[in-house]
Amino acid sequence: SGTRAFSSGGIWGSFKGLIVGTPMSLCSACIVPISRALRGKGASIATTLAVVQGSATLNAPALIMVALIFTPLLGGSRILLSILAGLLIGPLVAWVVGERQSGPEGLTVDPIEGKPDSWKDVLVTGGIEWIRASLGYLLRLGPVMVLAGFISGLAIQWVSPEVVETYLGNNLKGIALAATLGILINVPLLFEVPLVVLLLLLGMGAAPAATLLFTAAAGGPITFWGLTRSI
């Protein structure tokens, strides 16, 4: 069944998640409801997290933009980090939390009774559930996103070449700060690219640029909050 198809753990489960998530091309916040739905239907942790990583970091528009704008070293490091993260983060988290990797035996699948639903029934029911879930997420996350926009606008007032060169240079401090900033923000799809371009023009080093280029897309507070409720 479709539920069992996503119950695989390990690298194989991550690979399935990347196959599913990559074509969706949603940011790390927008993909959370879909990944949570898969998790609720029996998908493994590895598959669930790989769906998020695939959609947010390995989607075709992002890869094309990264390849066209950045140097081969910077763009290549972004793509390599995305692939490694998509394949390894899920199994690592599953190992840490102790998820069983014994396959579908532990899943509970409701038996199918009677005739399968028609396409009309599926589309109507699915559409209603989609609208209900979308409105719920809008009410919960909308105010947070508006507040985040104001905070971002306020923070940009302190960005200057001197500040960027001091704190985001090619050193361990710059990499650590870039990683921290990346996981503290949720950005729309592809927004990490112009953000990194701007900071590079202001004097950011290549190492923190590669770090921020990945972490800003890979996840943020909304991503972590949504996944915490299902993992």
Protein backbone atom coordinates (compact mmCIF):
# COMPACT_ATOMS: atom_id res chain seq x y z
CA SER A 1 0.00 0.00 0.00
CA GLY A 2 1.02 3.66 -0.23
CA THR A 3 1.43 3.78 3.53
CA ARG A 4 3.88 0.89 3.57
CA ALA A 5 5.83 2.39 0.68
CA PHE A 6 6.97 5.25 2.92
CA SER A 7 7.66 3.20 6.06
CA SER A 8 11.24 2.36 5.09
CA GLY A 9 13.94 3.79 7.34
CA GLY A 10 17.63 4.47 6.80
CA ILE A 11 19.18 5.78 3.60
CA TRP A 12 16.56 4.05 1.46
CA GLY A 13 13.76 5.82 3.32
CA SER A 14 15.57 9.15 2.90
CA PHE A 15 15.99 8.52 -0.82
CA LYS A 16 12.24 7.93 -1.16
CA GLY A 17 11.58 11.15 0.71
CA LEU A 18 13.85 13.12 -1.61
CA ILE A 19 12.06 11.68 -4.64
CA VAL A 20 8.71 12.81 -3.22
CA GLY A 21 9.78 16.18 -1.79
CA THR A 22 12.03 17.56 -4.51
CA PRO A 23 9.33 18.13 -7.19
CA MET A 24 7.08 19.98 -4.70
CA SER A 25 9.36 23.05 -4.56
CA LEU A 26 7.95 24.41 -1.31
CA CYS A 27 9.89 26.26 1.37
CA SER A 28 10.82 24.57 4.64
CA ALA A 29 7.73 26.01 6.36
CA CYS A 30 5.16 25.30 3.61
CA ILE A 31 6.26 21.68 3.25
CA VAL A 32 5.65 20.93 6.96
CA PRO A 33 1.89 20.18 6.66
CA ILE A 34 2.57 17.70 3.85
CA SER A 35 5.41 15.98 5.69
CA ARG A 36 3.29 15.80 8.85
CA ALA A 37 0.47 14.19 6.87
CA LEU A 38 2.88 11.58 5.51
CA ARG A 39 4.17 10.95 9.03
CA GLY A 40 0.62 10.53 10.28
CA LYS A 41 0.00 7.93 7.58
CA GLY A 42 2.98 5.86 8.69
CA ALA A 43 6.01 7.37 6.94
CA SER A 44 9.31 6.86 8.75
CA ILE A 45 11.25 9.72 10.32
CA ALA A 46 13.90 9.38 7.62
CA THR A 47 11.33 9.76 4.84
CA THR A 48 9.51 12.60 6.60
CA LEU A 49 12.63 14.71 7.08
CA ALA A 50 13.91 13.95 3.58
CA VAL A 51 10.65 15.27 2.11
CA VAL A 52 11.32 18.57 3.90
CA GLN A 53 14.95 18.71 2.81
CA GLY A 54 14.21 17.72 -0.76
CA SER A 55 11.48 20.31 -1.23
CA ALA A 56 13.34 23.17 0.47
CA THR A 57 16.92 22.63 -0.70
CA LEU A 58 16.95 20.37 -3.76
CA ASN A 59 14.08 21.81 -5.79
CA ALA A 60 14.84 22.56 -9.44
CA PRO A 61 14.42 26.39 -9.28
CA ALA A 62 16.87 26.67 -6.39
CA LEU A 63 19.45 24.41 -8.03
CA ILE A 64 19.25 26.32 -11.33
CA MET A 65 19.59 29.69 -9.61
CA VAL A 66 22.48 28.53 -7.44
CA ALA A 67 24.30 27.08 -10.46
CA LEU A 68 23.86 30.25 -12.52
CA ILE A 69 24.65 32.88 -9.88
CA PHE A 70 27.40 31.51 -7.65
CA THR A 71 30.88 30.24 -8.36
CA PRO A 72 31.23 26.48 -8.98
CA LEU A 73 32.79 26.03 -5.53
CA LEU A 74 30.03 27.85 -3.66
CA GLY A 75 27.17 26.47 -5.74
CA GLY A 76 28.60 22.96 -5.71
CA SER A 77 29.03 23.00 -1.93
CA ARG A 78 25.38 24.05 -1.54
CA ILE A 79 24.17 21.17 -3.71
CA LEU A 80 26.47 18.64 -2.01
CA LEU A 81 25.36 19.76 1.46
CA SER A 82 21.72 19.45 0.41
CA ILE A 83 22.16 15.90 -0.88
CA LEU A 84 24.11 14.75 2.17
CA ALA A 85 21.63 16.38 4.55
CA GLY A 86 18.65 14.89 2.73
CA LEU A 87 20.12 11.40 2.95
CA LEU A 88 21.68 11.49 6.43
CA ILE A 89 19.71 13.81 8.73
CA GLY A 90 16.61 11.60 8.78
CA PRO A 91 18.39 8.33 9.71
CA LEU A 92 20.47 10.20 12.30
CA VAL A 93 17.38 11.69 13.97
CA ALA A 94 15.63 8.29 13.85
CA TRP A 95 18.63 6.71 15.55
CA VAL A 96 18.74 9.41 18.23
CA VAL A 97 15.03 9.10 19.10
CA GLY A 98 15.14 5.31 18.86
CA GLU A 99 12.67 4.75 16.02
CA ARG A 100 12.35 1.09 15.14
CA GLN A 101 13.57 0.30 11.63
CA SER A 102 11.85 -3.06 11.43
CA GLY A 103 9.66 -2.05 8.52
CA PRO A 104 5.92 -2.00 8.24
CA GLU A 105 5.11 -4.50 11.02
CA GLY A 106 4.64 -1.74 13.56
CA LEU A 107 2.26 0.28 11.39
CA THR A 108 -1.45 0.26 11.90
CA VAL A 109 -3.33 0.49 8.64
CA ASP A 110 -7.09 0.69 8.61
CA PRO A 111 -8.62 -2.03 6.43
CA ILE A 112 -10.38 -0.91 3.27
CA GLU A 113 -14.06 -1.79 3.38
CA GLY A 114 -16.52 -1.61 0.53
CA LYS A 115 -15.96 0.07 -2.82
CA PRO A 116 -13.08 2.52 -3.27
CA ASP A 117 -14.14 6.17 -3.29
CA SER A 118 -14.67 7.79 -6.66
CA TRP A 119 -12.36 10.53 -7.90
CA LYS A 120 -15.13 13.06 -7.25
CA ASP A 121 -15.46 11.98 -3.61
CA VAL A 122 -11.70 12.04 -3.13
CA LEU A 123 -11.32 15.51 -4.67
CA VAL A 124 -14.24 17.00 -2.75
CA THR A 125 -13.19 15.51 0.58
CA GLY A 126 -9.54 16.34 -0.01
CA GLY A 127 -10.38 19.89 -1.07
CA ILE A 128 -12.42 20.52 2.07
CA GLU A 129 -9.67 19.13 4.29
CA TRP A 130 -7.05 21.20 2.44
CA ILE A 131 -9.04 24.41 2.94
CA ARG A 132 -9.61 23.61 6.62
CA ALA A 133 -5.93 22.81 7.23
CA SER A 134 -4.77 25.88 5.28
CA LEU A 135 -7.00 28.21 7.28
CA GLY A 136 -5.77 26.63 10.51
CA TYR A 137 -2.13 27.18 9.58
CA LEU A 138 -2.91 30.72 8.39
CA LEU A 139 -4.43 31.62 11.75
CA ARG A 140 -1.56 30.06 13.69
CA LEU A 141 1.37 31.11 11.53
CA GLY A 142 0.16 34.27 9.80
CA PRO A 143 0.74 36.64 12.74
CA VAL A 144 4.13 35.06 13.39
CA MET A 145 5.22 35.58 9.78
CA VAL A 146 4.06 39.22 9.81
CA LEU A 147 5.97 39.82 13.04
CA ALA A 148 9.04 38.14 11.54
CA GLY A 149 8.84 40.52 8.57
CA PHE A 150 8.89 43.56 10.84
CA ILE A 151 11.78 42.15 12.88
CA SER A 152 13.75 41.43 9.68
CA GLY A 153 13.19 44.97 8.47
CA LEU A 154 14.40 46.30 11.81
CA ALA A 155 17.46 44.05 11.83
CA ILE A 156 18.52 45.09 8.33
CA GLN A 157 19.05 48.63 9.64
CA TRP A 158 22.21 47.43 11.41
CA VAL A 159 23.65 45.65 8.39
CA SER A 160 26.67 47.45 6.95
CA PRO A 161 29.89 46.37 5.22
CA GLU A 162 31.84 46.94 8.44
CA VAL A 163 29.48 44.74 10.49
CA VAL A 164 29.41 41.99 7.85
CA GLU A 165 33.19 41.89 7.45
CA THR A 166 33.68 41.83 11.22
CA TYR A 167 31.21 39.07 12.09
CA LEU A 168 30.86 37.04 8.89
CA GLY A 169 34.45 36.68 7.77
CA ASN A 170 36.17 33.52 6.53
CA ASN A 171 36.74 32.04 9.97
CA LEU A 172 35.16 29.72 12.50
CA LYS A 173 33.28 32.58 14.16
CA GLY A 174 31.78 33.62 10.84
CA ILE A 175 30.68 30.07 10.02
CA ALA A 176 29.14 29.58 13.48
CA LEU A 177 27.25 32.87 13.25
CA ALA A 178 26.01 32.10 9.72
CA ALA A 179 24.78 28.67 10.85
CA THR A 180 23.03 30.22 13.85
CA LEU A 181 21.33 32.89 11.75
CA GLY A 182 20.30 30.29 9.18
CA ILE A 183 18.42 28.10 11.65
CA LEU A 184 16.78 31.08 13.38
CA ILE A 185 14.94 32.28 10.27
CA ASN A 186 12.35 30.82 7.93
CA VAL A 187 12.69 32.29 4.45
CA PRO A 188 10.46 31.91 1.38
CA LEU A 189 11.59 29.61 -1.39
CA LEU A 190 14.69 30.99 -3.19
CA PHE A 191 14.94 34.00 -0.85
CA GLU A 192 18.16 32.57 0.60
CA VAL A 193 19.87 33.20 -2.76
CA PRO A 194 19.45 37.02 -2.93
CA LEU A 195 20.10 37.19 0.82
CA VAL A 196 23.48 35.53 0.43
CA VAL A 197 24.28 37.56 -2.69
CA LEU A 198 23.62 40.78 -0.76
CA LEU A 199 25.83 39.69 2.15
CA LEU A 200 28.60 38.64 -0.23
CA LEU A 201 28.52 42.10 -1.79
CA LEU A 202 28.79 43.55 1.71
CA GLY A 203 31.90 41.51 2.46
CA MET A 204 30.81 38.12 3.81
CA GLY A 205 33.34 35.31 3.35
CA ALA A 206 32.78 32.30 1.10
CA ALA A 207 32.68 29.80 4.00
CA PRO A 208 29.87 31.48 5.96
CA ALA A 209 28.12 32.18 2.64
CA ALA A 210 28.00 28.44 1.86
CA THR A 211 26.77 27.76 5.38
CA LEU A 212 23.99 30.34 5.25
CA LEU A 213 23.01 29.34 1.72
CA PHE A 214 22.13 25.89 3.02
CA THR A 215 20.85 26.52 6.55
CA ALA A 216 18.54 29.39 5.62
CA ALA A 217 16.73 27.12 3.17
CA ALA A 218 16.90 23.89 5.15
CA GLY A 219 14.72 24.85 8.12
CA GLY A 220 13.75 27.40 10.71
CA PRO A 221 11.61 27.87 13.83
CA ILE A 222 8.31 27.17 12.05
CA THR A 223 9.78 24.03 10.48
CA PHE A 224 11.07 22.78 13.82
CA TRP A 225 7.80 23.61 15.60
CA GLY A 226 5.72 21.76 13.01
CA LEU A 227 7.91 18.66 12.92
CA THR A 228 8.27 18.50 16.70
CA ARG A 229 4.54 17.85 16.96
CA SER A 230 4.79 14.74 14.81
CA ILE A 231 8.26 13.35 15.58
